[in-house]
Amino acid sequence: MRVELLVVPNCPHENVASERLRRALDDTGHATTPVEVRSMTAEAVAGAPEFAGSPTILIDGADPFAEQASGSGAFSCRIYRGETGLSGAPSVEQLRHVFAPLTCGEAEQGRCVRA
């Protein structure tokens, strides 16, 4: 499974997003899965339709929170809706929900699928 955290430089939500992402991966049996952090430039954002503001989390190239995105290609902060209101990053619980049903293995050629 490939997990990416896309951020703009000096994103105030990068650390909290990274910490929550790591905790959710660890909690759901994906402790060995690395998280690749990609710093997005204005030029990179223009060529990345999957980027919906900073931070954007991609799992195998897909944004599990895409339905919350108000638009793509924004070189700005992103807001997530959660159990307790708005936040600059998904909650650990929201991320656990994303990772818990995933199983990974050779049968899926290294990709993860919903169980």
PDB file of N, CA and C in Angstrom:
ATOM      1  N   MET A   1       0.861  -1.170   0.000  1.00  0.00           N
ATOM      2  CA  MET A   1       0.000   0.000   0.000  1.00  0.00           C
ATOM      3  C   MET A   1       0.904   1.227   0.000  1.00  0.00           C
ATOM      4  N   ARG A   2       0.544   2.206  -0.792  1.00  0.00           N
ATOM      5  CA  ARG A   2       1.291   3.461  -0.852  1.00  0.00           C
ATOM      6  C   ARG A   2       0.453   4.545  -0.176  1.00  0.00           C
ATOM      7  N   VAL A   3       1.029   5.155   0.855  1.00  0.00           N
ATOM      8  CA  VAL A   3       0.351   6.221   1.591  1.00  0.00           C
ATOM      9  C   VAL A   3       1.163   7.495   1.421  1.00  0.00           C
ATOM     10  N   GLU A   4       0.495   8.536   0.926  1.00  0.00           N
ATOM     11  CA  GLU A   4       1.157   9.818   0.706  1.00  0.00           C
ATOM     12  C   GLU A   4       0.437  10.913   1.481  1.00  0.00           C
ATOM     13  N   LEU A   5       1.224  11.838   1.987  1.00  0.00           N
ATOM     14  CA  LEU A   5       0.700  13.024   2.642  1.00  0.00           C
ATOM     15  C   LEU A   5       1.200  14.214   1.832  1.00  0.00           C
ATOM     16  N   LEU A   6       0.296  14.885   1.140  1.00  0.00           N
ATOM     17  CA  LEU A   6       0.640  16.017   0.282  1.00  0.00           C
ATOM     18  C   LEU A   6       0.379  17.298   1.055  1.00  0.00           C
ATOM     19  N   VAL A   7       1.407  18.140   1.144  1.00  0.00           N
ATOM     20  CA  VAL A   7       1.293  19.382   1.905  1.00  0.00           C
ATOM     21  C   VAL A   7       1.941  20.532   1.148  1.00  0.00           C
ATOM     22  N   VAL A   8       1.471  21.740   1.428  1.00  0.00           N
ATOM     23  CA  VAL A   8       2.151  22.926   0.917  1.00  0.00           C
ATOM     24  C   VAL A   8       3.206  23.311   1.952  1.00  0.00           C
ATOM     25  N   PRO A   9       4.246  24.041   1.540  1.00  0.00           N
ATOM     26  CA  PRO A   9       5.285  24.443   2.498  1.00  0.00           C
ATOM     27  C   PRO A   9       4.688  25.206   3.686  1.00  0.00           C
ATOM     28  N   ASN A  10       5.199  24.902   4.862  1.00  0.00           N
ATOM     29  CA  ASN A  10       4.781  25.550   6.115  1.00  0.00           C
ATOM     30  C   ASN A  10       3.312  25.319   6.460  1.00  0.00           C
ATOM     31  N   CYS A  11       2.759  24.213   6.017  1.00  0.00           N
ATOM     32  CA  CYS A  11       1.368  23.889   6.340  1.00  0.00           C
ATOM     33  C   CYS A  11       1.224  23.738   7.855  1.00  0.00           C
ATOM     34  N   PRO A  12       0.319  24.491   8.477  1.00  0.00           N
ATOM     35  CA  PRO A  12       0.170  24.394   9.925  1.00  0.00           C
ATOM     36  C   PRO A  12      -0.446  23.069  10.391  1.00  0.00           C
ATOM     37  N   HIS A  13      -0.981  22.282   9.455  1.00  0.00           N
ATOM     38  CA  HIS A  13      -1.641  21.028   9.823  1.00  0.00           C
ATOM     39  C   HIS A  13      -0.819  19.798   9.472  1.00  0.00           C
ATOM     40  N   GLU A  14       0.375  19.989   8.922  1.00  0.00           N
ATOM     41  CA  GLU A  14       1.193  18.848   8.505  1.00  0.00           C
ATOM     42  C   GLU A  14       1.522  17.917   9.660  1.00  0.00           C
ATOM     43  N   ASN A  15       1.984  18.463  10.778  1.00  0.00           N
ATOM     44  CA  ASN A  15       2.390  17.602  11.899  1.00  0.00           C
ATOM     45  C   ASN A  15       1.231  16.812  12.481  1.00  0.00           C
ATOM     46  N   VAL A  16       0.107  17.473  12.702  1.00  0.00           N
ATOM     47  CA  VAL A  16      -1.041  16.756  13.278  1.00  0.00           C
ATOM     48  C   VAL A  16      -1.554  15.699  12.302  1.00  0.00           C
ATOM     49  N   ALA A  17      -1.580  16.006  11.021  1.00  0.00           N
ATOM     50  CA  ALA A  17      -2.022  15.027  10.027  1.00  0.00           C
ATOM     51  C   ALA A  17      -1.074  13.835  10.000  1.00  0.00           C
ATOM     52  N   SER A  18       0.219  14.104  10.036  1.00  0.00           N
ATOM     53  CA  SER A  18       1.220  13.044  10.013  1.00  0.00           C
ATOM     54  C   SER A  18       1.101  12.155  11.252  1.00  0.00           C
ATOM     55  N   GLU A  19       0.964  12.766  12.419  1.00  0.00           N
ATOM     56  CA  GLU A  19       0.836  12.010  13.669  1.00  0.00           C
ATOM     57  C   GLU A  19      -0.426  11.149  13.680  1.00  0.00           C
ATOM     58  N   ARG A  20      -1.537  11.716  13.259  1.00  0.00           N
ATOM     59  CA  ARG A  20      -2.802  10.964  13.229  1.00  0.00           C
ATOM     60  C   ARG A  20      -2.739   9.832  12.217  1.00  0.00           C
ATOM     61  N   LEU A  21      -2.135  10.095  11.087  1.00  0.00           N
ATOM     62  CA  LEU A  21      -1.994   9.080  10.046  1.00  0.00           C
ATOM     63  C   LEU A  21      -1.156   7.910  10.556  1.00  0.00           C
ATOM     64  N   ARG A  22      -0.036   8.209  11.174  1.00  0.00           N
ATOM     65  CA  ARG A  22       0.843   7.157  11.703  1.00  0.00           C
ATOM     66  C   ARG A  22       0.121   6.341  12.774  1.00  0.00           C
ATOM     67  N   ARG A  23      -0.589   7.018  13.673  1.00  0.00           N
ATOM     68  CA  ARG A  23      -1.322   6.315  14.744  1.00  0.00           C
ATOM     69  C   ARG A  23      -2.395   5.394  14.171  1.00  0.00           C
ATOM     70  N   ALA A  24      -3.139   5.886  13.187  1.00  0.00           N
ATOM     71  CA  ALA A  24      -4.199   5.072  12.587  1.00  0.00           C
ATOM     72  C   ALA A  24      -3.616   3.866  11.859  1.00  0.00           C
ATOM     73  N   LEU A  25      -2.517   4.053  11.152  1.00  0.00           N
ATOM     74  CA  LEU A  25      -1.867   2.920  10.480  1.00  0.00           C
ATOM     75  C   LEU A  25      -1.406   1.895  11.507  1.00  0.00           C
ATOM     76  N   ASP A  26      -0.759   2.352  12.562  1.00  0.00           N
ATOM     77  CA  ASP A  26      -0.282   1.440  13.612  1.00  0.00           C
ATOM     78  C   ASP A  26      -1.447   0.695  14.257  1.00  0.00           C
ATOM     79  N   ASP A  27      -2.530   1.408  14.555  1.00  0.00           N
ATOM     80  CA  ASP A  27      -3.685   0.827  15.243  1.00  0.00           C
ATOM     81  C   ASP A  27      -4.423  -0.209  14.406  1.00  0.00           C
ATOM     82  N   THR A  28      -4.273  -0.143  13.087  1.00  0.00           N
ATOM     83  CA  THR A  28      -5.034  -1.046  12.212  1.00  0.00           C
ATOM     84  C   THR A  28      -4.167  -2.128  11.568  1.00  0.00           C
ATOM     85  N   GLY A  29      -2.981  -2.356  12.134  1.00  0.00           N
ATOM     86  CA  GLY A  29      -2.145  -3.439  11.644  1.00  0.00           C
ATOM     87  C   GLY A  29      -1.271  -3.093  10.458  1.00  0.00           C
ATOM     88  N   HIS A  30      -1.075  -1.817  10.194  1.00  0.00           N
ATOM     89  CA  HIS A  30      -0.255  -1.378   9.065  1.00  0.00           C
ATOM     90  C   HIS A  30       0.983  -0.620   9.557  1.00  0.00           C
ATOM     91  N   ALA A  31       1.562  -1.092  10.657  1.00  0.00           N
ATOM     92  CA  ALA A  31       2.680  -0.397  11.298  1.00  0.00           C
ATOM     93  C   ALA A  31       3.907  -0.295  10.404  1.00  0.00           C
ATOM     94  N   THR A  32       4.072  -1.217   9.474  1.00  0.00           N
ATOM     95  CA  THR A  32       5.254  -1.182   8.609  1.00  0.00           C
ATOM     96  C   THR A  32       5.046  -0.359   7.341  1.00  0.00           C
ATOM     97  N   THR A  33       3.850   0.158   7.155  1.00  0.00           N
ATOM     98  CA  THR A  33       3.559   0.959   5.972  1.00  0.00           C
ATOM     99  C   THR A  33       4.168   2.349   6.120  1.00  0.00           C
ATOM    100  N   PRO A  34       5.060   2.729   5.205  1.00  0.00           N
ATOM    101  CA  PRO A  34       5.652   4.070   5.297  1.00  0.00           C
ATOM    102  C   PRO A  34       4.676   5.131   4.803  1.00  0.00           C
ATOM    103  N   VAL A  35       4.879   6.347   5.272  1.00  0.00           N
ATOM    104  CA  VAL A  35       4.112   7.503   4.809  1.00  0.00           C
ATOM    105  C   VAL A  35       5.082   8.420   4.079  1.00  0.00           C
ATOM    106  N   GLU A  36       4.812   8.643   2.811  1.00  0.00           N
ATOM    107  CA  GLU A  36       5.643   9.534   1.997  1.00  0.00           C
ATOM    108  C   GLU A  36       5.049  10.935   2.068  1.00  0.00           C
ATOM    109  N   VAL A  37       5.833  11.888   2.556  1.00  0.00           N
ATOM    110  CA  VAL A  37       5.389  13.279   2.619  1.00  0.00           C
ATOM    111  C   VAL A  37       5.906  13.994   1.377  1.00  0.00           C
ATOM    112  N   ARG A  38       4.986  14.602   0.635  1.00  0.00           N
ATOM    113  CA  ARG A  38       5.349  15.349  -0.572  1.00  0.00           C
ATOM    114  C   ARG A  38       4.993  16.815  -0.376  1.00  0.00           C
ATOM    115  N   SER A  39       6.004  17.666  -0.485  1.00  0.00           N
ATOM    116  CA  SER A  39       5.789  19.106  -0.403  1.00  0.00           C
ATOM    117  C   SER A  39       5.405  19.595  -1.800  1.00  0.00           C
ATOM    118  N   MET A  40       4.263  20.227  -1.893  1.00  0.00           N
ATOM    119  CA  MET A  40       3.709  20.635  -3.172  1.00  0.00           C
ATOM    120  C   MET A  40       4.067  22.093  -3.475  1.00  0.00           C
ATOM    121  N   THR A  41       4.585  22.318  -4.664  1.00  0.00           N
ATOM    122  CA  THR A  41       4.820  23.667  -5.158  1.00  0.00           C
ATOM    123  C   THR A  41       3.597  24.089  -5.965  1.00  0.00           C
ATOM    124  N   ALA A  42       3.508  25.353  -6.310  1.00  0.00           N
ATOM    125  CA  ALA A  42       2.391  25.826  -7.136  1.00  0.00           C
ATOM    126  C   ALA A  42       2.356  25.081  -8.460  1.00  0.00           C
ATOM    127  N   GLU A  43       3.531  24.804  -9.033  1.00  0.00           N
ATOM    128  CA  GLU A  43       3.595  24.076 -10.300  1.00  0.00           C
ATOM    129  C   GLU A  43       3.134  22.630 -10.134  1.00  0.00           C
ATOM    130  N   ALA A  44       3.532  21.999  -9.035  1.00  0.00           N
ATOM    131  CA  ALA A  44       3.125  20.619  -8.789  1.00  0.00           C
ATOM    132  C   ALA A  44       1.622  20.521  -8.564  1.00  0.00           C
ATOM    133  N   VAL A  45       1.060  21.497  -7.861  1.00  0.00           N
ATOM    134  CA  VAL A  45      -0.385  21.507  -7.609  1.00  0.00           C
ATOM    135  C   VAL A  45      -1.148  21.601  -8.919  1.00  0.00           C
ATOM    136  N   ALA A  46      -0.662  22.415  -9.850  1.00  0.00           N
ATOM    137  CA  ALA A  46      -1.337  22.578 -11.141  1.00  0.00           C
ATOM    138  C   ALA A  46      -1.400  21.265 -11.910  1.00  0.00           C
ATOM    139  N   GLY A  47      -0.420  20.378 -11.699  1.00  0.00           N
ATOM    140  CA  GLY A  47      -0.396  19.101 -12.405  1.00  0.00           C
ATOM    141  C   GLY A  47      -0.883  17.933 -11.581  1.00  0.00           C
ATOM    142  N   ALA A  48      -1.517  18.207 -10.449  1.00  0.00           N
ATOM    143  CA  ALA A  48      -1.965  17.128  -9.560  1.00  0.00           C
ATOM    144  C   ALA A  48      -3.443  17.286  -9.237  1.00  0.00           C
ATOM    145  N   PRO A  49      -4.315  16.765 -10.087  1.00  0.00           N
ATOM    146  CA  PRO A  49      -5.749  16.927  -9.852  1.00  0.00           C
ATOM    147  C   PRO A  49      -6.231  16.261  -8.559  1.00  0.00           C
ATOM    148  N   GLU A  50      -5.453  15.315  -8.019  1.00  0.00           N
ATOM    149  CA  GLU A  50      -5.851  14.642  -6.783  1.00  0.00           C
ATOM    150  C   GLU A  50      -5.608  15.505  -5.542  1.00  0.00           C
ATOM    151  N   PHE A  51      -4.861  16.605  -5.694  1.00  0.00           N
ATOM    152  CA  PHE A  51      -4.557  17.480  -4.575  1.00  0.00           C
ATOM    153  C   PHE A  51      -5.737  18.412  -4.325  1.00  0.00           C
ATOM    154  N   ALA A  52      -6.274  18.360  -3.097  1.00  0.00           N
ATOM    155  CA  ALA A  52      -7.459  19.159  -2.763  1.00  0.00           C
ATOM    156  C   ALA A  52      -7.193  20.106  -1.603  1.00  0.00           C
ATOM    157  N   GLY A  53      -5.960  20.556  -1.482  1.00  0.00           N
ATOM    158  CA  GLY A  53      -5.587  21.428  -0.380  1.00  0.00           C
ATOM    159  C   GLY A  53      -4.707  20.676   0.594  1.00  0.00           C
ATOM    160  N   SER A  54      -4.043  21.428   1.460  1.00  0.00           N
ATOM    161  CA  SER A  54      -3.059  20.858   2.371  1.00  0.00           C
ATOM    162  C   SER A  54      -3.627  20.700   3.774  1.00  0.00           C
ATOM    163  N   PRO A  55      -3.551  19.497   4.314  1.00  0.00           N
ATOM    164  CA  PRO A  55      -2.950  18.279   3.794  1.00  0.00           C
ATOM    165  C   PRO A  55      -3.964  17.428   3.026  1.00  0.00           C
ATOM    166  N   THR A  56      -3.485  16.751   2.003  1.00  0.00           N
ATOM    167  CA  THR A  56      -4.281  15.751   1.287  1.00  0.00           C
ATOM    168  C   THR A  56      -3.619  14.402   1.522  1.00  0.00           C
ATOM    169  N   ILE A  57      -4.413  13.408   1.868  1.00  0.00           N
ATOM    170  CA  ILE A  57      -3.924  12.050   2.092  1.00  0.00           C
ATOM    171  C   ILE A  57      -4.350  11.205   0.906  1.00  0.00           C
ATOM    172  N   LEU A  58      -3.388  10.488   0.334  1.00  0.00           N
ATOM    173  CA  LEU A  58      -3.684   9.582  -0.776  1.00  0.00           C
ATOM    174  C   LEU A  58      -3.316   8.163  -0.374  1.00  0.00           C
ATOM    175  N   ILE A  59      -4.187   7.234  -0.683  1.00  0.00           N
ATOM    176  CA  ILE A  59      -3.923   5.818  -0.468  1.00  0.00           C
ATOM    177  C   ILE A  59      -3.977   5.161  -1.833  1.00  0.00           C
ATOM    178  N   ASP A  60      -2.840   4.655  -2.267  1.00  0.00           N
ATOM    179  CA  ASP A  60      -2.716   4.102  -3.621  1.00  0.00           C
ATOM    180  C   ASP A  60      -3.253   5.087  -4.658  1.00  0.00           C
ATOM    181  N   GLY A  61      -2.950   6.374  -4.450  1.00  0.00           N
ATOM    182  CA  GLY A  61      -3.315   7.415  -5.401  1.00  0.00           C
ATOM    183  C   GLY A  61      -4.716   7.974  -5.272  1.00  0.00           C
ATOM    184  N   ALA A  62      -5.517   7.443  -4.336  1.00  0.00           N
ATOM    185  CA  ALA A  62      -6.905   7.899  -4.181  1.00  0.00           C
ATOM    186  C   ALA A  62      -7.080   8.628  -2.852  1.00  0.00           C
ATOM    187  N   ASP A  63      -7.894   9.664  -2.873  1.00  0.00           N
ATOM    188  CA  ASP A  63      -8.203  10.458  -1.682  1.00  0.00           C
ATOM    189  C   ASP A  63      -9.441   9.866  -1.012  1.00  0.00           C
ATOM    190  N   PRO A  64      -9.288   9.241   0.180  1.00  0.00           N
ATOM    191  CA  PRO A  64     -10.448   8.639   0.837  1.00  0.00           C
ATOM    192  C   PRO A  64     -11.445   9.671   1.367  1.00  0.00           C
ATOM    193  N   PHE A  65     -11.068  10.937   1.351  1.00  0.00           N
ATOM    194  CA  PHE A  65     -11.943  12.009   1.822  1.00  0.00           C
ATOM    195  C   PHE A  65     -12.347  12.935   0.679  1.00  0.00           C
ATOM    196  N   ALA A  66     -12.293  12.445  -0.536  1.00  0.00           N
ATOM    197  CA  ALA A  66     -12.570  13.266  -1.720  1.00  0.00           C
ATOM    198  C   ALA A  66     -13.963  13.885  -1.686  1.00  0.00           C
ATOM    199  N   GLU A  67     -14.936  13.199  -1.102  1.00  0.00           N
ATOM    200  CA  GLU A  67     -16.294  13.736  -1.071  1.00  0.00           C
ATOM    201  C   GLU A  67     -16.384  14.995  -0.231  1.00  0.00           C
ATOM    202  N   GLN A  68     -15.408  15.214   0.655  1.00  0.00           N
ATOM    203  CA  GLN A  68     -15.395  16.419   1.481  1.00  0.00           C
ATOM    204  C   GLN A  68     -14.701  17.587   0.794  1.00  0.00           C
ATOM    205  N   ALA A  69     -13.944  17.312  -0.248  1.00  0.00           N
ATOM    206  CA  ALA A  69     -13.147  18.351  -0.902  1.00  0.00           C
ATOM    207  C   ALA A  69     -14.046  19.334  -1.628  1.00  0.00           C
ATOM    208  N   SER A  70     -13.743  20.609  -1.456  1.00  0.00           N
ATOM    209  CA  SER A  70     -14.547  21.634  -2.120  1.00  0.00           C
ATOM    210  C   SER A  70     -14.027  21.957  -3.508  1.00  0.00           C
ATOM    211  N   GLY A  71     -12.856  21.451  -3.831  1.00  0.00           N
ATOM    212  CA  GLY A  71     -12.281  21.693  -5.141  1.00  0.00           C
ATOM    213  C   GLY A  71     -10.876  21.142  -5.164  1.00  0.00           C
ATOM    214  N   SER A  72     -10.305  21.030  -6.336  1.00  0.00           N
ATOM    215  CA  SER A  72      -8.952  20.505  -6.416  1.00  0.00           C
ATOM    216  C   SER A  72      -8.016  21.582  -6.912  1.00  0.00           C
ATOM    217  N   GLY A  73      -6.749  21.349  -6.714  1.00  0.00           N
ATOM    218  CA  GLY A  73      -5.746  22.267  -7.208  1.00  0.00           C
ATOM    219  C   GLY A  73      -5.571  23.517  -6.373  1.00  0.00           C
ATOM    220  N   ALA A  74      -6.113  23.532  -5.159  1.00  0.00           N
ATOM    221  CA  ALA A  74      -6.000  24.719  -4.319  1.00  0.00           C
ATOM    222  C   ALA A  74      -4.664  24.711  -3.577  1.00  0.00           C
ATOM    223  N   PHE A  75      -3.879  25.768  -3.774  1.00  0.00           N
ATOM    224  CA  PHE A  75      -2.607  25.906  -3.076  1.00  0.00           C
ATOM    225  C   PHE A  75      -2.902  26.589  -1.742  1.00  0.00           C
ATOM    226  N   SER A  76      -3.627  25.863  -0.884  1.00  0.00           N
ATOM    227  CA  SER A  76      -4.090  26.435   0.378  1.00  0.00           C
ATOM    228  C   SER A  76      -4.358  25.321   1.373  1.00  0.00           C
ATOM    229  N   CYS A  77      -4.816  25.699   2.560  1.00  0.00           N
ATOM    230  CA  CYS A  77      -5.164  24.718   3.583  1.00  0.00           C
ATOM    231  C   CYS A  77      -6.477  24.025   3.244  1.00  0.00           C
ATOM    232  N   ARG A  78      -6.616  22.845   3.750  1.00  0.00           N
ATOM    233  CA  ARG A  78      -7.830  22.050   3.554  1.00  0.00           C
ATOM    234  C   ARG A  78      -8.510  21.864   4.902  1.00  0.00           C
ATOM    235  N   ILE A  79      -9.819  21.815   4.900  1.00  0.00           N
ATOM    236  CA  ILE A  79     -10.605  21.604   6.110  1.00  0.00           C
ATOM    237  C   ILE A  79     -11.347  20.276   5.986  1.00  0.00           C
ATOM    238  N   TYR A  80     -11.345  19.510   7.081  1.00  0.00           N
ATOM    239  CA  TYR A  80     -12.036  18.222   7.142  1.00  0.00           C
ATOM    240  C   TYR A  80     -13.186  18.319   8.141  1.00  0.00           C
ATOM    241  N   ARG A  81     -14.311  17.674   7.807  1.00  0.00           N
ATOM    242  CA  ARG A  81     -15.438  17.575   8.726  1.00  0.00           C
ATOM    243  C   ARG A  81     -15.247  16.306   9.549  1.00  0.00           C
ATOM    244  N   GLY A  82     -15.400  16.439  10.857  1.00  0.00           N
ATOM    245  CA  GLY A  82     -15.228  15.285  11.724  1.00  0.00           C
ATOM    246  C   GLY A  82     -16.311  15.201  12.776  1.00  0.00           C
ATOM    247  N   GLU A  83     -16.118  14.267  13.698  1.00  0.00           N
ATOM    248  CA  GLU A  83     -17.093  14.012  14.757  1.00  0.00           C
ATOM    249  C   GLU A  83     -17.311  15.233  15.642  1.00  0.00           C
ATOM    250  N   THR A  84     -16.264  16.046  15.808  1.00  0.00           N
ATOM    251  CA  THR A  84     -16.342  17.190  16.713  1.00  0.00           C
ATOM    252  C   THR A  84     -16.363  18.524  15.983  1.00  0.00           C
ATOM    253  N   GLY A  85     -16.566  18.506  14.683  1.00  0.00           N
ATOM    254  CA  GLY A  85     -16.608  19.744  13.911  1.00  0.00           C
ATOM    255  C   GLY A  85     -15.535  19.779  12.842  1.00  0.00           C
ATOM    256  N   LEU A  86     -15.084  20.975  12.518  1.00  0.00           N
ATOM    257  CA  LEU A  86     -14.089  21.159  11.460  1.00  0.00           C
ATOM    258  C   LEU A  86     -12.680  21.071  12.037  1.00  0.00           C
ATOM    259  N   SER A  87     -11.759  20.538  11.220  1.00  0.00           N
ATOM    260  CA  SER A  87     -10.372  20.384  11.639  1.00  0.00           C
ATOM    261  C   SER A  87      -9.471  20.481  10.415  1.00  0.00           C
ATOM    262  N   GLY A  88      -8.198  20.742  10.654  1.00  0.00           N
ATOM    263  CA  GLY A  88      -7.227  20.823   9.570  1.00  0.00           C
ATOM    264  C   GLY A  88      -6.710  19.469   9.128  1.00  0.00           C
ATOM    265  N   ALA A  89      -7.166  18.387   9.762  1.00  0.00           N
ATOM    266  CA  ALA A  89      -6.752  17.028   9.401  1.00  0.00           C
ATOM    267  C   ALA A  89      -7.843  16.056   9.824  1.00  0.00           C
ATOM    268  N   PRO A  90      -7.943  14.912   9.159  1.00  0.00           N
ATOM    269  CA  PRO A  90      -8.922  13.906   9.598  1.00  0.00           C
ATOM    270  C   PRO A  90      -8.570  13.430  11.003  1.00  0.00           C
ATOM    271  N   SER A  91      -9.573  13.013  11.750  1.00  0.00           N
ATOM    272  CA  SER A  91      -9.337  12.478  13.091  1.00  0.00           C
ATOM    273  C   SER A  91      -8.704  11.088  12.987  1.00  0.00           C
ATOM    274  N   VAL A  92      -8.121  10.640  14.070  1.00  0.00           N
ATOM    275  CA  VAL A  92      -7.560   9.291  14.113  1.00  0.00           C
ATOM    276  C   VAL A  92      -8.671   8.276  13.833  1.00  0.00           C
ATOM    277  N   GLU A  93      -9.839   8.513  14.384  1.00  0.00           N
ATOM    278  CA  GLU A  93     -10.961   7.587  14.179  1.00  0.00           C
ATOM    279  C   GLU A  93     -11.369   7.530  12.701  1.00  0.00           C
ATOM    280  N   GLN A  94     -11.432   8.665  12.037  1.00  0.00           N
ATOM    281  CA  GLN A  94     -11.764   8.671  10.610  1.00  0.00           C
ATOM    282  C   GLN A  94     -10.714   7.898   9.816  1.00  0.00           C
ATOM    283  N   LEU A  95      -9.456   8.081  10.163  1.00  0.00           N
ATOM    284  CA  LEU A  95      -8.384   7.374   9.466  1.00  0.00           C
ATOM    285  C   LEU A  95      -8.405   5.882   9.775  1.00  0.00           C
ATOM    286  N   ARG A  96      -8.701   5.514  11.017  1.00  0.00           N
ATOM    287  CA  ARG A  96      -8.833   4.086  11.358  1.00  0.00           C
ATOM    288  C   ARG A  96      -9.920   3.445  10.499  1.00  0.00           C
ATOM    289  N   HIS A  97     -11.006   4.167  10.324  1.00  0.00           N
ATOM    290  CA  HIS A  97     -12.123   3.661   9.506  1.00  0.00           C
ATOM    291  C   HIS A  97     -11.676   3.408   8.069  1.00  0.00           C
ATOM    292  N   VAL A  98     -10.781   4.237   7.570  1.00  0.00           N
ATOM    293  CA  VAL A  98     -10.259   4.075   6.211  1.00  0.00           C
ATOM    294  C   VAL A  98      -9.369   2.832   6.122  1.00  0.00           C
ATOM    295  N   PHE A  99      -8.487   2.649   7.110  1.00  0.00           N
ATOM    296  CA  PHE A  99      -7.498   1.574   7.042  1.00  0.00           C
ATOM    297  C   PHE A  99      -7.984   0.233   7.573  1.00  0.00           C
ATOM    298  N   ALA A 100      -8.919   0.203   8.509  1.00  0.00           N
ATOM    299  CA  ALA A 100      -9.333  -1.053   9.139  1.00  0.00           C
ATOM    300  C   ALA A 100      -9.810  -2.125   8.162  1.00  0.00           C
ATOM    301  N   PRO A 101     -10.622  -1.775   7.161  1.00  0.00           N
ATOM    302  CA  PRO A 101     -11.108  -2.830   6.274  1.00  0.00           C
ATOM    303  C   PRO A 101     -10.142  -3.214   5.158  1.00  0.00           C
ATOM    304  N   LEU A 102      -8.934  -2.639   5.139  1.00  0.00           N
ATOM    305  CA  LEU A 102      -7.993  -2.938   4.064  1.00  0.00           C
ATOM    306  C   LEU A 102      -7.136  -4.152   4.404  1.00  0.00           C
ATOM    307  N   THR A 103      -6.980  -5.024   3.437  1.00  0.00           N
ATOM    308  CA  THR A 103      -6.038  -6.126   3.557  1.00  0.00           C
ATOM    309  C   THR A 103      -5.048  -5.998   2.410  1.00  0.00           C
ATOM    310  N   CYS A 104      -3.796  -6.301   2.698  1.00  0.00           N
ATOM    311  CA  CYS A 104      -2.747  -6.133   1.701  1.00  0.00           C
ATOM    312  C   CYS A 104      -2.008  -7.446   1.531  1.00  0.00           C
ATOM    313  N   GLY A 105      -1.582  -7.726   0.327  1.00  0.00           N
ATOM    314  CA  GLY A 105      -0.812  -8.943   0.136  1.00  0.00           C
ATOM    315  C   GLY A 105      -0.430  -9.167  -1.305  1.00  0.00           C
ATOM    316  N   GLU A 106       0.277 -10.257  -1.495  1.00  0.00           N
ATOM    317  CA  GLU A 106       0.763 -10.589  -2.827  1.00  0.00           C
ATOM    318  C   GLU A 106      -0.376 -10.859  -3.803  1.00  0.00           C
ATOM    319  N   ALA A 107      -1.461 -11.426  -3.329  1.00  0.00           N
ATOM    320  CA  ALA A 107      -2.597 -11.728  -4.210  1.00  0.00           C
ATOM    321  C   ALA A 107      -3.120 -10.468  -4.880  1.00  0.00           C
ATOM    322  N   GLU A 108      -2.974  -9.340  -4.187  1.00  0.00           N
ATOM    323  CA  GLU A 108      -3.434  -8.073  -4.748  1.00  0.00           C
ATOM    324  C   GLU A 108      -2.267  -7.331  -5.397  1.00  0.00           C
ATOM    325  N   GLN A 109      -1.141  -8.033  -5.619  1.00  0.00           N
ATOM    326  CA  GLN A 109       0.051  -7.457  -6.227  1.00  0.00           C
ATOM    327  C   GLN A 109       0.549  -6.233  -5.463  1.00  0.00           C
ATOM    328  N   GLY A 110       0.561  -6.362  -4.119  1.00  0.00           N
ATOM    329  CA  GLY A 110       1.078  -5.298  -3.282  1.00  0.00           C
ATOM    330  C   GLY A 110       0.094  -4.191  -2.997  1.00  0.00           C
ATOM    331  N   ARG A 111      -1.048  -4.200  -3.651  1.00  0.00           N
ATOM    332  CA  ARG A 111      -2.046  -3.168  -3.403  1.00  0.00           C
ATOM    333  C   ARG A 111      -2.989  -3.658  -2.316  1.00  0.00           C
ATOM    334  N   CYS A 112      -3.693  -2.744  -1.715  1.00  0.00           N
ATOM    335  CA  CYS A 112      -4.629  -3.087  -0.653  1.00  0.00           C
ATOM    336  C   CYS A 112      -6.044  -3.019  -1.185  1.00  0.00           C
ATOM    337  N   VAL A 113      -6.876  -3.914  -0.684  1.00  0.00           N
ATOM    338  CA  VAL A 113      -8.269  -3.966  -1.113  1.00  0.00           C
ATOM    339  C   VAL A 113      -9.164  -4.012   0.112  1.00  0.00           C
ATOM    340  N   ARG A 114     -10.410  -3.635  -0.074  1.00  0.00           N
ATOM    341  CA  ARG A 114     -11.394  -3.705   1.018  1.00  0.00           C
ATOM    342  C   ARG A 114     -11.691  -5.164   1.316  1.00  0.00           C
ATOM    343  N   ALA A 115     -11.675  -5.497   2.594  1.00  0.00           N
ATOM    344  CA  ALA A 115     -11.946  -6.883   3.013  1.00  0.00           C
ATOM    345  C   ALA A 115     -13.431  -7.193   2.889  1.00  0.00           C
TER     346      ALA A 115
END
